[in-house]
N, C-alpha and C. Protein backbone atom coordinates (compact mmCIF):
# COMPACT_ATOMS: atom_id res chain seq x y z
N MET A 1 75.97 84.52 94.74
CA MET A 1 75.00 85.44 95.26
C MET A 1 75.68 86.57 96.03
N ARG A 2 76.74 86.23 96.72
CA ARG A 2 77.49 87.25 97.47
C ARG A 2 78.05 88.30 96.52
N GLU A 3 78.48 87.84 95.36
CA GLU A 3 79.03 88.76 94.36
C GLU A 3 77.95 89.74 93.88
N ILE A 4 76.74 89.27 93.71
CA ILE A 4 75.64 90.14 93.28
C ILE A 4 75.29 91.13 94.38
N ALA A 5 75.21 90.67 95.61
CA ALA A 5 74.83 91.53 96.73
C ALA A 5 75.90 92.56 97.04
N GLY A 6 77.14 92.23 96.72
CA GLY A 6 78.25 93.10 97.09
C GLY A 6 78.78 92.67 98.45
N PRO A 7 79.99 93.06 98.77
CA PRO A 7 80.61 92.60 100.01
C PRO A 7 79.89 93.08 101.27
N ASP A 8 79.18 94.21 101.15
CA ASP A 8 78.50 94.78 102.31
C ASP A 8 76.98 94.79 102.15
N CYS A 9 76.47 94.04 101.18
CA CYS A 9 75.02 94.00 100.84
C CYS A 9 74.52 95.38 100.40
N GLY A 10 75.42 96.19 99.87
CA GLY A 10 75.06 97.53 99.46
C GLY A 10 74.13 97.59 98.27
N ARG A 11 74.26 96.66 97.35
CA ARG A 11 73.42 96.72 96.15
C ARG A 11 71.94 96.53 96.48
N PRO A 12 71.57 95.46 97.18
CA PRO A 12 70.14 95.36 97.53
C PRO A 12 69.70 96.46 98.50
N GLY A 13 70.61 96.94 99.32
CA GLY A 13 70.28 98.04 100.23
C GLY A 13 69.94 99.32 99.48
N ARG A 14 70.73 99.62 98.45
CA ARG A 14 70.45 100.81 97.63
C ARG A 14 69.15 100.68 96.86
N LEU A 15 68.91 99.48 96.34
CA LEU A 15 67.66 99.27 95.61
C LEU A 15 66.46 99.41 96.54
N ARG A 16 66.54 98.82 97.73
CA ARG A 16 65.43 98.92 98.69
C ARG A 16 65.22 100.38 99.09
N ALA A 17 66.29 101.13 99.29
CA ALA A 17 66.16 102.55 99.66
C ALA A 17 65.48 103.33 98.54
N ALA A 18 65.86 103.06 97.30
CA ALA A 18 65.25 103.76 96.17
C ALA A 18 63.78 103.39 96.03
N LEU A 19 63.46 102.12 96.21
CA LEU A 19 62.06 101.70 96.12
C LEU A 19 61.23 102.32 97.25
N ALA A 20 61.80 102.39 98.44
CA ALA A 20 61.08 102.96 99.58
C ALA A 20 60.82 104.46 99.39
N ALA A 21 61.71 105.13 98.66
CA ALA A 21 61.57 106.58 98.46
C ALA A 21 60.70 106.92 97.26
N THR A 22 60.31 105.92 96.49
CA THR A 22 59.54 106.16 95.27
C THR A 22 58.06 106.28 95.58
N ARG A 23 57.47 107.34 95.07
CA ARG A 23 56.03 107.55 95.19
C ARG A 23 55.47 107.66 93.78
N LEU A 24 54.53 106.80 93.45
CA LEU A 24 53.94 106.80 92.12
C LEU A 24 52.69 107.69 92.11
N SER A 25 52.49 108.35 91.00
CA SER A 25 51.28 109.14 90.83
C SER A 25 50.09 108.21 90.68
N ASP A 26 48.89 108.75 90.82
CA ASP A 26 47.69 107.92 90.65
C ASP A 26 47.68 107.25 89.28
N MET A 27 48.13 108.00 88.29
CA MET A 27 48.14 107.48 86.92
C MET A 27 49.08 106.27 86.79
N ASN A 28 50.19 106.27 87.51
CA ASN A 28 51.19 105.20 87.40
C ASN A 28 51.09 104.14 88.50
N ALA A 29 50.14 104.30 89.40
CA ALA A 29 50.04 103.38 90.54
C ALA A 29 49.80 101.93 90.12
N ARG A 30 49.18 101.72 88.97
CA ARG A 30 48.90 100.36 88.52
C ARG A 30 50.00 99.78 87.64
N ASP A 31 51.05 100.53 87.42
CA ASP A 31 52.16 100.06 86.60
C ASP A 31 52.83 98.88 87.31
N GLN A 32 52.86 97.74 86.69
CA GLN A 32 53.37 96.53 87.30
C GLN A 32 54.89 96.48 87.42
N ARG A 33 55.58 97.36 86.72
CA ARG A 33 57.05 97.32 86.79
C ARG A 33 57.55 97.60 88.20
N PHE A 34 56.91 98.55 88.89
CA PHE A 34 57.32 98.85 90.25
C PHE A 34 57.08 97.65 91.17
N ALA A 35 55.88 97.08 91.09
CA ALA A 35 55.55 95.92 91.93
C ALA A 35 56.47 94.74 91.63
N THR A 36 56.78 94.54 90.36
CA THR A 36 57.67 93.44 89.97
C THR A 36 59.07 93.65 90.52
N CYS A 37 59.56 94.86 90.42
CA CYS A 37 60.90 95.18 90.96
C CYS A 37 60.91 95.02 92.47
N ASP A 38 59.86 95.49 93.14
CA ASP A 38 59.76 95.37 94.59
C ASP A 38 59.74 93.89 94.99
N GLY A 39 58.99 93.09 94.26
CA GLY A 39 58.93 91.66 94.55
C GLY A 39 60.27 90.96 94.34
N ALA A 40 60.96 91.33 93.27
CA ALA A 40 62.28 90.73 93.00
C ALA A 40 63.27 91.12 94.10
N CYS A 41 63.18 92.37 94.53
CA CYS A 41 64.07 92.83 95.61
C CYS A 41 63.76 92.07 96.90
N ALA A 42 62.49 91.91 97.21
CA ALA A 42 62.09 91.18 98.42
C ALA A 42 62.58 89.73 98.37
N SER A 43 62.47 89.11 97.20
CA SER A 43 62.94 87.73 97.05
C SER A 43 64.45 87.64 97.26
N PHE A 44 65.18 88.59 96.69
CA PHE A 44 66.63 88.59 96.85
C PHE A 44 67.00 88.84 98.30
N GLU A 45 66.27 89.74 98.97
CA GLU A 45 66.54 90.00 100.39
C GLU A 45 66.31 88.73 101.21
N GLU A 46 65.25 88.00 100.90
CA GLU A 46 64.96 86.76 101.62
C GLU A 46 66.09 85.74 101.42
N LEU A 47 66.54 85.60 100.18
CA LEU A 47 67.65 84.68 99.90
C LEU A 47 68.93 85.12 100.61
N THR A 48 69.16 86.42 100.64
CA THR A 48 70.35 86.95 101.31
C THR A 48 70.31 86.62 102.80
N ARG A 49 69.14 86.77 103.39
CA ARG A 49 69.00 86.45 104.81
C ARG A 49 69.16 84.94 105.07
N ARG A 50 68.45 84.16 104.27
CA ARG A 50 68.40 82.71 104.50
C ARG A 50 69.68 81.99 104.06
N ASP A 51 70.11 82.23 102.82
CA ASP A 51 71.23 81.46 102.28
C ASP A 51 72.60 82.01 102.66
N LEU A 52 72.68 83.32 102.77
CA LEU A 52 73.98 83.91 103.12
C LEU A 52 74.09 84.22 104.61
N GLY A 53 72.96 84.20 105.31
CA GLY A 53 72.99 84.54 106.74
C GLY A 53 73.43 85.98 106.97
N ALA A 54 73.08 86.84 106.03
CA ALA A 54 73.55 88.23 106.10
C ALA A 54 72.42 89.21 106.37
N GLY A 55 71.44 88.79 107.17
CA GLY A 55 70.30 89.65 107.46
C GLY A 55 70.68 90.94 108.16
N ASP A 56 71.54 90.83 109.18
CA ASP A 56 71.96 92.04 109.90
C ASP A 56 72.73 92.98 109.00
N GLN A 57 73.59 92.41 108.18
CA GLN A 57 74.38 93.21 107.25
C GLN A 57 73.46 93.89 106.22
N LEU A 58 72.47 93.18 105.75
CA LEU A 58 71.51 93.74 104.81
C LEU A 58 70.70 94.86 105.46
N ASP A 59 70.24 94.65 106.68
CA ASP A 59 69.48 95.68 107.38
C ASP A 59 70.33 96.94 107.60
N LYS A 60 71.58 96.74 107.96
CA LYS A 60 72.49 97.87 108.17
C LYS A 60 72.70 98.63 106.86
N ALA A 61 72.96 97.91 105.78
CA ALA A 61 73.20 98.54 104.48
C ALA A 61 71.96 99.30 104.02
N THR A 62 70.79 98.71 104.21
CA THR A 62 69.54 99.36 103.80
C THR A 62 69.32 100.64 104.58
N SER A 63 69.52 100.60 105.89
CA SER A 63 69.36 101.80 106.72
C SER A 63 70.33 102.90 106.31
N GLU A 64 71.58 102.51 106.08
CA GLU A 64 72.59 103.50 105.67
C GLU A 64 72.24 104.10 104.31
N CYS A 65 71.77 103.28 103.40
CA CYS A 65 71.42 103.77 102.06
C CYS A 65 70.20 104.69 102.11
N LYS A 66 69.23 104.37 102.94
CA LYS A 66 68.06 105.24 103.09
C LYS A 66 68.48 106.60 103.64
N LEU A 67 69.35 106.59 104.63
CA LEU A 67 69.83 107.84 105.21
C LEU A 67 70.63 108.64 104.18
N GLU A 68 71.51 107.97 103.45
CA GLU A 68 72.31 108.64 102.42
C GLU A 68 71.42 109.26 101.35
N LEU A 69 70.40 108.54 100.93
CA LEU A 69 69.48 109.06 99.92
C LEU A 69 68.74 110.28 100.46
N LEU A 70 68.30 110.21 101.70
CA LEU A 70 67.61 111.35 102.31
C LEU A 70 68.52 112.57 102.39
N VAL A 71 69.76 112.37 102.78
CA VAL A 71 70.71 113.48 102.87
C VAL A 71 70.95 114.09 101.50
N ARG A 72 71.12 113.26 100.49
CA ARG A 72 71.35 113.77 99.13
C ARG A 72 70.15 114.56 98.62
N ARG A 73 68.96 114.04 98.84
CA ARG A 73 67.76 114.73 98.37
C ARG A 73 67.57 116.05 99.11
N THR A 74 67.81 116.04 100.42
CA THR A 74 67.69 117.26 101.21
C THR A 74 68.72 118.28 100.78
N SER A 75 69.94 117.85 100.51
CA SER A 75 71.00 118.77 100.07
C SER A 75 70.60 119.46 98.77
N GLU A 76 69.99 118.71 97.87
CA GLU A 76 69.55 119.30 96.60
C GLU A 76 68.50 120.37 96.85
N LEU A 77 67.58 120.08 97.75
CA LEU A 77 66.50 121.03 98.03
C LEU A 77 67.00 122.28 98.74
N LEU A 78 68.06 122.13 99.53
CA LEU A 78 68.57 123.25 100.30
C LEU A 78 69.72 123.98 99.63
N ASN A 79 70.13 123.54 98.46
CA ASN A 79 71.23 124.16 97.73
C ASN A 79 70.69 125.39 96.98
N PRO A 80 71.06 126.62 97.42
CA PRO A 80 70.52 127.82 96.79
C PRO A 80 70.80 127.91 95.30
N ALA A 81 71.97 127.49 94.87
CA ALA A 81 72.30 127.55 93.44
C ALA A 81 71.40 126.60 92.66
N ARG A 82 71.15 125.45 93.21
CA ARG A 82 70.29 124.47 92.53
C ARG A 82 68.85 124.97 92.46
N VAL A 83 68.38 125.58 93.55
CA VAL A 83 67.03 126.13 93.56
C VAL A 83 66.91 127.25 92.54
N GLU A 84 67.92 128.10 92.48
CA GLU A 84 67.91 129.20 91.51
C GLU A 84 67.86 128.66 90.09
N ASN A 85 68.65 127.64 89.81
CA ASN A 85 68.66 127.04 88.47
C ASN A 85 67.32 126.40 88.15
N SER A 86 66.68 125.79 89.13
CA SER A 86 65.39 125.15 88.85
C SER A 86 64.34 126.20 88.54
N ASP A 87 64.42 127.36 89.19
CA ASP A 87 63.49 128.44 88.86
C ASP A 87 63.70 128.90 87.43
N ASP A 88 64.95 129.00 87.00
CA ASP A 88 65.25 129.40 85.63
C ASP A 88 64.73 128.35 84.65
N GLU A 89 64.88 127.07 84.98
CA GLU A 89 64.41 126.00 84.11
C GLU A 89 62.90 126.06 83.95
N VAL A 90 62.20 126.34 85.04
CA VAL A 90 60.74 126.44 84.97
C VAL A 90 60.34 127.63 84.12
N ALA A 91 61.02 128.75 84.29
CA ALA A 91 60.69 129.96 83.53
C ALA A 91 60.96 129.76 82.03
N ARG A 92 61.99 129.00 81.69
CA ARG A 92 62.33 128.78 80.28
C ARG A 92 61.50 127.69 79.63
N ALA A 93 60.85 126.88 80.43
CA ALA A 93 60.10 125.75 79.88
C ALA A 93 58.93 126.26 79.05
N PRO A 94 58.71 125.64 77.89
CA PRO A 94 57.58 126.06 77.07
C PRO A 94 56.27 125.68 77.74
N ALA A 95 55.28 126.52 77.55
CA ALA A 95 53.97 126.24 78.11
C ALA A 95 53.36 125.07 77.35
N VAL A 96 52.91 124.09 78.07
CA VAL A 96 52.29 122.93 77.45
C VAL A 96 50.87 123.28 77.04
N CYS A 97 50.21 124.01 77.89
CA CYS A 97 48.83 124.38 77.61
C CYS A 97 48.58 125.72 78.27
N THR A 98 48.00 126.60 77.56
CA THR A 98 47.67 127.88 78.16
C THR A 98 46.23 128.23 77.83
N LEU A 99 45.55 128.80 78.78
CA LEU A 99 44.16 129.17 78.58
C LEU A 99 43.99 130.60 78.11
N ALA A 100 45.06 131.38 78.06
CA ALA A 100 44.94 132.79 77.70
C ALA A 100 44.23 133.00 76.36
N PRO A 101 44.60 132.33 75.27
CA PRO A 101 43.88 132.55 74.01
C PRO A 101 42.41 132.17 74.10
N VAL A 102 42.11 131.11 74.83
CA VAL A 102 40.72 130.67 74.96
C VAL A 102 39.92 131.69 75.74
N LEU A 103 40.49 132.19 76.83
CA LEU A 103 39.79 133.19 77.63
C LEU A 103 39.60 134.48 76.85
N GLU A 104 40.60 134.89 76.11
CA GLU A 104 40.50 136.09 75.28
C GLU A 104 39.41 135.92 74.25
N GLU A 105 39.33 134.79 73.62
CA GLU A 105 38.31 134.51 72.61
C GLU A 105 36.92 134.55 73.22
N GLN A 106 36.77 133.98 74.40
CA GLN A 106 35.46 133.98 75.07
C GLN A 106 35.05 135.39 75.47
N ARG A 107 36.02 136.19 75.89
CA ARG A 107 35.73 137.55 76.32
C ARG A 107 35.26 138.41 75.14
N THR A 108 35.84 138.24 73.99
CA THR A 108 35.51 139.06 72.84
C THR A 108 34.29 138.54 72.08
N ALA A 109 33.83 137.34 72.37
CA ALA A 109 32.69 136.77 71.64
C ALA A 109 31.36 137.27 72.16
C-alpha cells in the first residue's frame, strides 16, 4: 500500500486535489464515474490513515497538492501569451450553431 501511495502520500494527495477542484456541469452532475472515483479515493485515504498511520503525511500532501494546482491554474490564467493564444483559438473555432441565416430568413419572409 505504501508503494501505491508513494513515499510522501503524494499520489492520493494529487488525486484528492484534482477531485476537489473539479466542478461538474448540471448535465454531468449525475455521472457516477466522479462519485465512484471520489469514493475510491476516500476509501484509500481511510486505509492510509488507519493501516499506514500516515494521516498527517496524507493531509500535508493533499494541502500541498491543492496549493500547487491552484498556483498552476492561476499562472495559466495570468499568462498573457496563453490568454492571447486562447483568444486566437476561440476566433478560429468553427461556429457550432449560428442564428444569422435563420434571422435573415425570418426578416425577408
